[in-house]
Amino acid sequence: MSEKAKIHRYTSLRGLVTRLRDDLNGGGQDFVLLYAYNGTGKTRLTMEFKDAGKRKNKGQPDTLYFNAFTEDLFRWDNDLEHDRERRLHINKESKFFRGLRDLVLDERIAYYLRRYADFGFDIDYESWTVSFNKGEDDAAPRHIKVSRGEENIFIWCVFMAICERVIDGAESYQWVNYLYIDDPITSLDDNNAIAVASDLAHLLRKAKGRTRAEPDTANGPGAPEAAPRQVPVPIKGVVSSHHALFYNVMCNELKTEKQRKYLLQRPERGNAYTLRSTDDTPFFHHVSILAELKMAKDSGRLYTYHFNMLRSILEKTATFFGRDDFSACIHGLDDADLFARALNLLSHGKYDIYQPSEMVDDNKQLFGEILDAFLNRYEFTLPEVFAQPASKRRGATPA
């Protein structure tokens, strides 16, 4: 197995973070792109990456991050008493907003917001609140309640505007050496997902070229004072996402840069993590979930949510072949009608991956028959992603 095809197994998030930071430092990479399904632990990985920087720097952070915690720095006041002046409150105590008042970000926030949405905003730095409006004239609706997707995109635009100031060398953000972005496209449609990925890639390329002015002391003490020289101080980035379109746009936008692409998984929803390099196969995530389903079938550890996963794969395959319905993937097989009815019925339950229920034996047999029929028809080559022992050395073992 080639070096790029190796699968590494980590017994803790700390060991996984060590690998990512090694890639960005001694490994010579500028960016790491992670594809991972929801429930894998991407948010916790973000926080562990941030905490690793604080441990290394004696309590001082080195990572500016965007994830679900960033979104929680904003909260709504819906003015329940009068139902008129709805505002979004900003948690001014967060280091994320340090120096925000002095950075004059409104114009840059508005620049990004116009690319994705059609509403305006006003930030009151005295009360640390944001109000939204539709239109610029006096008669336009004010203090409107925006949708969850619009709220998320506004917060994203704030993050992008702050990142620009970080790259420009703002004093209050001198501590930033890494940008870590986790799933910034929550609730966005595909057009905005593409636009956000393109804008983020442009910003990351700019961050890689950050410089800082330092005194030129080449002539030694007592020499005439020279003009400061610009010293490279690159900002490196990690981007993680469960959104296939967003992830693939990021891969394409950064394909000429020094980057490492990985598929991150947590087999059987356990405490271990697997990391597979996908530099040569950026669409590997589609195949990997089939490998996970086959492993679950072979082991007999099948849970009700596995039907949802199987149906999702069939739907994506049908779309790839231009078919209208997932049943086209099993049409013509023995018991095809039974399989289609079973998938329709058993993939619509509200199955929780965090409190999974094991399938009854009849459903396990039916699931295995559908999966085997599908794999026999399309002959996917499935890697042995999960059958690797854990290592005691730095928390990882190459497969």
Protein backbone atom coordinates (compact mmCIF):
# COMPACT_ATOMS: atom_id res chain seq x y z
CA MET A 1 0.00 0.00 0.00
CA SER A 2 1.36 3.42 -0.96
CA GLU A 3 2.08 6.07 1.66
CA LYS A 4 -0.85 8.17 0.46
CA ALA A 5 -3.22 5.20 0.64
CA LYS A 6 -2.38 4.39 4.26
CA ILE A 7 -5.06 4.60 6.89
CA HIS A 8 -4.08 5.81 10.35
CA ARG A 9 -6.05 4.96 13.46
CA TYR A 10 -6.07 7.33 16.44
CA THR A 11 -7.22 6.45 19.91
CA SER A 12 -7.82 10.07 20.94
CA LEU A 13 -8.51 13.49 19.48
CA ARG A 14 -5.20 14.68 20.93
CA GLY A 15 -3.26 12.21 18.80
CA LEU A 16 -5.28 13.22 15.75
CA VAL A 17 -4.54 16.91 16.37
CA THR A 18 -0.84 16.12 16.65
CA ARG A 19 -0.99 14.65 13.16
CA LEU A 20 -2.77 17.70 11.71
CA ARG A 21 -0.33 20.14 13.31
CA ASP A 22 2.61 18.05 12.11
CA ASP A 23 1.24 18.25 8.58
CA LEU A 24 1.09 22.05 8.79
CA ASN A 25 4.50 22.44 10.39
CA GLY A 26 7.15 19.80 9.72
CA GLY A 27 5.03 18.28 6.98
CA GLY A 28 5.29 21.45 4.92
CA GLN A 29 1.58 21.73 4.12
CA ASP A 30 -0.24 25.06 3.98
CA PHE A 31 -3.73 23.63 4.34
CA VAL A 32 -5.50 20.50 5.56
CA LEU A 33 -8.94 19.64 4.20
CA LEU A 34 -11.06 17.13 6.13
CA TYR A 35 -14.20 15.44 4.88
CA ALA A 36 -16.26 13.89 7.69
CA TYR A 37 -19.89 13.00 8.23
CA ASN A 38 -21.99 14.69 10.89
CA GLY A 39 -21.54 12.97 14.23
CA THR A 40 -17.87 12.19 13.62
CA GLY A 41 -16.65 14.82 16.10
CA LYS A 42 -15.56 17.71 13.87
CA THR A 43 -16.55 20.39 16.39
CA ARG A 44 -14.69 18.67 19.22
CA LEU A 45 -11.68 18.29 16.93
CA THR A 46 -11.72 22.05 16.32
CA MET A 47 -11.65 22.74 20.05
CA GLU A 48 -8.89 20.19 20.68
CA PHE A 49 -6.80 21.82 17.94
CA LYS A 50 -7.32 25.19 19.64
CA ASP A 51 -6.50 23.76 23.08
CA ALA A 52 -3.29 22.17 21.74
CA GLY A 53 -2.08 25.63 20.75
CA LYS A 54 -2.82 26.99 24.22
CA ARG A 55 -0.95 24.11 25.86
CA LYS A 56 2.04 24.70 23.62
CA ASN A 57 2.07 28.46 24.19
CA LYS A 58 1.55 28.48 27.98
CA GLY A 59 -2.08 29.50 27.81
CA GLN A 60 -1.86 31.82 24.80
CA PRO A 61 -4.03 30.78 21.83
CA ASP A 62 -2.76 30.52 18.27
CA THR A 63 -5.95 29.52 16.44
CA LEU A 64 -8.88 31.63 15.25
CA TYR A 65 -11.71 29.19 14.61
CA PHE A 66 -15.21 29.09 13.19
CA ASN A 67 -17.60 26.36 14.32
CA ALA A 68 -20.84 25.86 16.25
CA PHE A 69 -19.33 27.65 19.27
CA THR A 70 -18.71 30.73 17.11
CA GLU A 71 -22.37 30.83 16.14
CA ASP A 72 -23.30 30.63 19.84
CA LEU A 73 -21.50 33.95 20.46
CA PHE A 74 -24.65 35.55 19.03
CA ARG A 75 -28.11 35.27 20.63
CA TRP A 76 -31.51 36.68 19.77
CA ASP A 77 -33.64 39.11 21.74
CA ASN A 78 -37.01 38.84 20.02
CA ASP A 79 -38.58 41.68 22.04
CA LEU A 80 -41.37 39.48 23.37
CA GLU A 81 -42.97 42.40 25.19
CA HIS A 82 -43.46 44.73 22.21
CA ASP A 83 -42.65 42.45 19.25
CA ARG A 84 -40.94 45.31 17.40
CA GLU A 85 -37.18 45.70 18.00
CA ARG A 86 -35.70 42.27 17.45
CA ARG A 87 -31.93 42.30 17.88
CA LEU A 88 -29.02 39.89 17.77
CA HIS A 89 -26.77 40.27 20.82
CA ILE A 90 -22.98 39.89 20.52
CA ASN A 91 -20.98 38.33 23.35
CA LYS A 92 -18.40 41.10 23.67
CA GLU A 93 -16.44 39.15 26.31
CA SER A 94 -15.19 36.67 23.74
CA LYS A 95 -11.62 37.00 22.47
CA PHE A 96 -13.11 36.47 19.03
CA PHE A 97 -14.36 40.08 19.12
CA ARG A 98 -11.31 41.69 20.69
CA GLY A 99 -10.78 45.06 19.06
CA LEU A 100 -13.90 44.68 16.94
CA ARG A 101 -15.10 48.21 17.66
CA ASP A 102 -11.84 49.71 16.40
CA LEU A 103 -11.45 47.58 13.27
CA VAL A 104 -14.21 49.33 11.28
CA LEU A 105 -15.55 46.09 9.85
CA ASP A 106 -19.03 47.16 8.78
CA GLU A 107 -18.02 47.87 5.19
CA ARG A 108 -16.26 44.52 4.74
CA ILE A 109 -19.11 42.62 6.40
CA ALA A 110 -21.53 44.34 4.02
CA TYR A 111 -19.29 43.47 1.05
CA TYR A 112 -19.53 39.75 1.81
CA LEU A 113 -23.18 39.86 2.84
CA ARG A 114 -24.20 41.36 -0.50
CA ARG A 115 -22.68 38.32 -2.19
CA TYR A 116 -24.94 35.88 -0.36
CA ALA A 117 -28.08 37.68 0.85
CA ASP A 118 -30.41 40.63 0.27
CA PHE A 119 -30.81 42.14 3.74
CA GLY A 120 -28.93 44.88 5.55
CA PHE A 121 -27.65 45.28 9.10
CA ASP A 122 -26.62 47.85 11.66
CA ILE A 123 -24.18 47.16 14.52
CA ASP A 124 -24.63 49.19 17.71
CA TYR A 125 -21.27 49.04 19.49
CA GLU A 126 -22.66 50.71 22.60
CA SER A 127 -25.18 47.93 23.27
CA TRP A 128 -23.29 45.28 21.29
CA THR A 129 -26.34 44.34 19.27
CA VAL A 130 -27.14 43.88 15.58
CA SER A 131 -30.42 44.83 13.93
CA PHE A 132 -31.43 43.74 10.43
CA ASN A 133 -33.45 45.47 7.74
CA LYS A 134 -34.80 44.95 4.24
CA GLY A 135 -33.83 47.88 2.05
CA GLU A 136 -32.07 51.20 2.70
CA ASP A 137 -34.88 53.78 2.53
CA ASP A 138 -36.73 55.05 5.59
CA ALA A 139 -39.85 53.07 4.73
CA ALA A 140 -38.01 49.75 4.58
CA PRO A 141 -38.82 47.16 7.28
CA ARG A 142 -36.52 47.50 10.30
CA HIS A 143 -35.57 45.18 13.15
CA ILE A 144 -36.66 42.16 11.15
CA LYS A 145 -36.14 38.58 12.25
CA VAL A 146 -33.94 36.85 9.68
CA SER A 147 -34.01 33.12 9.02
CA ARG A 148 -31.56 30.71 10.64
CA GLY A 149 -29.68 30.41 7.36
CA GLU A 150 -29.49 34.21 6.99
CA GLU A 151 -28.29 34.54 10.59
CA ASN A 152 -25.56 31.97 9.96
CA ILE A 153 -24.41 33.69 6.80
CA PHE A 154 -24.22 37.04 8.61
CA ILE A 155 -22.04 35.47 11.31
CA TRP A 156 -19.88 33.94 8.60
CA CYS A 157 -19.45 37.36 6.99
CA VAL A 158 -18.32 38.77 10.36
CA PHE A 159 -15.73 35.97 10.56
CA MET A 160 -14.48 36.64 7.03
CA ALA A 161 -14.15 40.36 7.75
CA ILE A 162 -12.18 39.65 10.94
CA CYS A 163 -9.90 37.27 9.02
CA GLU A 164 -9.08 40.05 6.58
CA ARG A 165 -7.93 42.25 9.45
CA VAL A 166 -5.90 39.35 10.87
CA ILE A 167 -4.12 38.98 7.54
CA ASP A 168 -3.56 42.74 7.35
CA GLY A 169 -1.76 42.58 10.72
CA ALA A 170 -4.32 44.04 13.14
CA GLU A 171 -2.65 44.45 16.55
CA SER A 172 -5.45 42.69 18.45
CA TYR A 173 -5.05 39.53 16.35
CA GLN A 174 -1.26 39.17 16.26
CA TRP A 175 -1.62 35.86 18.10
CA VAL A 176 -3.29 34.08 15.17
CA ASN A 177 -1.13 31.50 13.39
CA TYR A 178 -3.89 29.13 12.27
CA LEU A 179 -7.41 29.43 10.90
CA TYR A 180 -9.68 26.45 11.57
CA ILE A 181 -13.06 26.48 9.82
CA ASP A 182 -15.66 23.78 10.46
CA ASP A 183 -18.81 23.55 8.32
CA PRO A 184 -19.44 27.22 7.53
CA ILE A 185 -22.30 26.45 5.13
CA THR A 186 -25.01 25.30 7.55
CA SER A 187 -28.50 25.89 6.08
CA LEU A 188 -27.12 27.29 2.80
CA ASP A 189 -28.27 26.30 -0.67
CA ASP A 190 -25.80 24.92 -3.21
CA ASN A 191 -25.20 28.28 -4.94
CA ASN A 192 -24.13 29.90 -1.68
CA ALA A 193 -22.10 26.82 -0.73
CA ILE A 194 -20.06 27.28 -3.92
CA ALA A 195 -19.70 31.03 -3.37
CA VAL A 196 -18.61 30.59 0.26
CA ALA A 197 -16.05 27.93 -0.71
CA SER A 198 -14.61 30.14 -3.44
CA ASP A 199 -14.36 33.18 -1.16
CA LEU A 200 -12.81 31.12 1.64
CA ALA A 201 -10.20 29.63 -0.68
CA HIS A 202 -9.27 33.12 -1.86
CA LEU A 203 -8.89 34.28 1.75
CA LEU A 204 -6.78 31.24 2.71
CA ARG A 205 -4.41 31.86 -0.20
CA LYS A 206 -4.07 35.44 0.97
CA ALA A 207 -3.47 34.27 4.55
CA LYS A 208 -0.64 32.03 3.39
CA GLY A 209 1.17 35.13 2.13
CA ARG A 210 0.86 37.19 5.32
CA THR A 211 3.94 39.28 6.17
CA ARG A 212 4.94 41.37 9.18
CA ALA A 213 7.16 44.45 9.33
CA GLU A 214 10.29 43.99 11.45
CA PRO A 215 13.29 46.31 12.00
CA ASP A 216 16.21 45.64 9.68
CA THR A 217 19.21 45.02 11.98
CA ALA A 218 21.47 43.54 9.33
CA ASN A 219 24.03 46.38 9.68
CA GLY A 220 24.42 45.88 13.42
CA PRO A 221 24.20 48.26 16.40
CA GLY A 222 25.00 51.90 15.75
CA ALA A 223 24.29 51.72 12.02
CA PRO A 224 21.82 54.18 10.47
CA GLU A 225 18.25 53.04 11.06
CA ALA A 226 16.93 51.20 8.01
CA ALA A 227 13.37 50.90 6.84
CA PRO A 228 11.51 47.91 8.31
CA ARG A 229 11.58 44.81 6.18
CA GLN A 230 8.60 42.54 5.49
CA VAL A 231 9.08 39.09 7.00
CA PRO A 232 6.87 36.16 5.92
CA VAL A 233 4.52 35.06 8.74
CA PRO A 234 2.12 32.70 6.97
CA ILE A 235 -1.22 31.72 8.46
CA LYS A 236 -2.07 28.09 7.83
CA GLY A 237 -5.55 26.63 7.67
CA VAL A 238 -7.70 23.59 8.41
CA VAL A 239 -11.14 23.24 6.83
CA SER A 240 -13.55 20.43 7.75
CA SER A 241 -16.99 19.73 6.31
CA HIS A 242 -19.67 17.11 5.81
CA HIS A 243 -20.98 18.90 2.70
CA ALA A 244 -19.70 17.06 -0.39
CA LEU A 245 -20.18 19.98 -2.80
CA PHE A 246 -18.48 22.50 -0.51
CA TYR A 247 -15.61 20.09 0.16
CA ASN A 248 -14.98 19.35 -3.50
CA VAL A 249 -15.06 23.04 -4.45
CA MET A 250 -12.45 23.70 -1.75
CA CYS A 251 -10.30 20.85 -3.13
CA ASN A 252 -10.47 22.29 -6.62
CA GLU A 253 -9.90 25.90 -5.55
CA LEU A 254 -6.77 24.96 -3.58
CA LYS A 255 -5.47 22.24 -5.90
CA THR A 256 -2.35 24.23 -6.80
CA GLU A 257 -1.46 24.83 -3.14
CA LYS A 258 0.41 22.62 -0.67
CA GLN A 259 -2.50 20.80 0.90
CA ARG A 260 -3.38 17.47 2.47
CA LYS A 261 -6.86 15.99 1.98
CA TYR A 262 -8.25 13.44 4.41
CA LEU A 263 -11.36 11.40 5.03
CA LEU A 264 -12.02 11.43 8.78
CA GLN A 265 -14.20 8.70 10.28
CA ARG A 266 -15.18 7.32 13.66
CA PRO A 267 -15.86 3.61 13.06
CA GLU A 268 -18.92 2.22 14.79
CA ARG A 269 -19.34 5.59 16.55
CA GLY A 270 -16.66 4.51 19.02
CA ASN A 271 -13.79 6.38 20.65
CA ALA A 272 -11.23 5.75 17.90
CA TYR A 273 -10.76 7.74 14.69
CA THR A 274 -9.42 6.79 11.28
CA LEU A 275 -7.71 9.20 8.92
CA ARG A 276 -7.18 8.28 5.29
CA SER A 277 -5.34 10.47 2.82
CA THR A 278 -7.51 11.10 -0.25
CA ASP A 279 -5.03 13.17 -2.25
CA ASP A 280 -5.44 10.84 -5.22
CA THR A 281 -9.13 10.10 -4.68
CA PRO A 282 -11.01 13.24 -3.55
CA PHE A 283 -14.40 11.51 -3.94
CA PHE A 284 -13.39 8.60 -1.71
CA HIS A 285 -16.04 9.44 0.90
CA HIS A 286 -18.80 7.91 -1.26
CA VAL A 287 -16.97 4.58 -1.39
CA SER A 288 -15.94 4.69 2.25
CA ILE A 289 -19.50 4.69 3.54
CA LEU A 290 -20.17 1.56 1.49
CA ALA A 291 -17.15 -0.02 3.18
CA GLU A 292 -18.58 0.94 6.56
CA LEU A 293 -21.96 -0.59 5.67
CA LYS A 294 -20.37 -3.81 4.45
CA MET A 295 -18.27 -4.08 7.60
CA ALA A 296 -21.39 -3.56 9.74
CA LYS A 297 -23.24 -6.23 7.75
CA ASP A 298 -20.39 -8.73 7.96
CA SER A 299 -20.00 -8.19 11.70
CA GLY A 300 -23.73 -8.46 12.39
CA ARG A 301 -23.68 -5.12 14.22
CA LEU A 302 -26.44 -3.49 12.18
CA TYR A 303 -28.50 -0.61 13.52
CA THR A 304 -31.65 1.02 12.23
CA TYR A 305 -29.83 4.12 10.95
CA HIS A 306 -27.86 1.94 8.52
CA PHE A 307 -30.95 1.81 6.30
CA ASN A 308 -30.82 5.62 6.03
CA MET A 309 -27.15 5.46 5.04
CA LEU A 310 -27.80 2.78 2.40
CA ARG A 311 -30.68 4.69 0.87
CA SER A 312 -28.51 7.84 0.69
CA ILE A 313 -25.85 5.92 -1.26
CA LEU A 314 -28.44 4.52 -3.66
CA GLU A 315 -29.89 7.99 -4.24
CA LYS A 316 -26.46 9.45 -5.01
CA THR A 317 -25.71 6.57 -7.38
CA ALA A 318 -29.04 7.03 -9.16
CA THR A 319 -28.32 10.74 -9.56
CA PHE A 320 -24.89 9.95 -11.00
CA PHE A 321 -26.50 7.76 -13.66
CA GLY A 322 -29.22 10.32 -14.39
CA ARG A 323 -32.03 8.24 -12.90
CA ASP A 324 -35.07 9.72 -11.21
CA ASP A 325 -35.32 7.31 -8.30
CA PHE A 326 -32.98 5.18 -6.19
CA SER A 327 -34.98 2.07 -7.11
CA ALA A 328 -33.34 2.25 -10.54
CA CYS A 329 -30.14 1.00 -8.87
CA ILE A 330 -31.81 -2.33 -7.98
CA HIS A 331 -34.28 -2.57 -10.87
CA GLY A 332 -34.19 -5.94 -12.60
CA LEU A 333 -32.77 -7.78 -9.60
CA ASP A 334 -34.59 -10.62 -7.94
CA ASP A 335 -36.90 -9.20 -5.25
CA ALA A 336 -36.27 -5.65 -6.52
CA ASP A 337 -39.81 -4.55 -5.66
CA LEU A 338 -39.47 -5.96 -2.14
CA PHE A 339 -36.13 -4.20 -1.69
CA ALA A 340 -37.54 -0.85 -2.85
CA ARG A 341 -40.55 -1.08 -0.54
CA ALA A 342 -38.35 -2.08 2.39
CA LEU A 343 -35.95 0.84 1.84
CA ASN A 344 -38.87 3.28 1.53
CA LEU A 345 -40.34 2.04 4.80
CA LEU A 346 -37.22 1.45 6.87
CA SER A 347 -35.28 4.57 5.87
CA HIS A 348 -37.96 7.03 6.95
CA GLY A 349 -37.83 6.38 10.67
CA LYS A 350 -36.33 8.93 13.05
CA TYR A 351 -33.26 6.86 13.84
CA ASP A 352 -30.76 8.45 16.20
CA ILE A 353 -27.08 7.62 15.56
CA TYR A 354 -26.25 8.68 19.16
CA GLN A 355 -28.77 6.24 20.72
CA PRO A 356 -28.88 3.54 18.05
CA SER A 357 -31.30 0.62 18.09
CA GLU A 358 -30.08 -2.69 16.74
CA MET A 359 -32.03 -4.18 13.84
CA VAL A 360 -34.14 -7.26 14.39
CA ASP A 361 -32.82 -10.40 12.69
CA ASP A 362 -35.27 -10.28 9.77
CA ASN A 363 -34.26 -6.73 8.93
CA LYS A 364 -30.57 -7.61 9.23
CA GLN A 365 -31.06 -10.35 6.64
CA LEU A 366 -33.03 -8.02 4.36
CA PHE A 367 -30.40 -5.27 4.68
CA GLY A 368 -27.64 -7.73 3.78
CA GLU A 369 -29.52 -8.94 0.71
CA ILE A 370 -30.08 -5.39 -0.57
CA LEU A 371 -26.46 -4.33 0.06
CA ASP A 372 -25.01 -7.48 -1.53
CA ALA A 373 -27.25 -7.13 -4.58
CA PHE A 374 -26.20 -3.51 -5.03
CA LEU A 375 -22.47 -4.25 -4.61
CA ASN A 376 -22.63 -7.25 -6.95
CA ARG A 377 -24.30 -5.12 -9.60
CA TYR A 378 -21.92 -2.15 -9.51
CA GLU A 379 -18.74 -3.90 -8.32
CA PHE A 380 -17.29 -1.10 -6.18
CA THR A 381 -13.75 -1.71 -4.96
CA LEU A 382 -14.03 -1.29 -1.21
CA PRO A 383 -10.94 -0.62 0.94
CA GLU A 384 -10.52 -2.26 4.31
CA VAL A 385 -10.83 1.03 6.14
CA PHE A 386 -11.59 -0.14 9.64
CA ALA A 387 -9.71 -3.36 10.23
CA GLN A 388 -6.54 -1.74 11.54
CA PRO A 389 -5.17 -2.17 15.07
CA ALA A 390 -4.55 0.85 17.23
CA SER A 391 -0.94 1.85 17.91
CA LYS A 392 0.63 2.94 21.13
CA ARG A 393 3.06 5.19 19.28
CA ARG A 394 1.71 8.76 19.17
CA GLY A 395 -1.82 7.38 19.02
CA ALA A 396 -1.68 6.22 15.38
CA THR A 397 -0.98 3.19 13.26
CA PRO A 398 -0.55 3.15 9.49
CA ALA A 399 -2.49 0.43 7.70
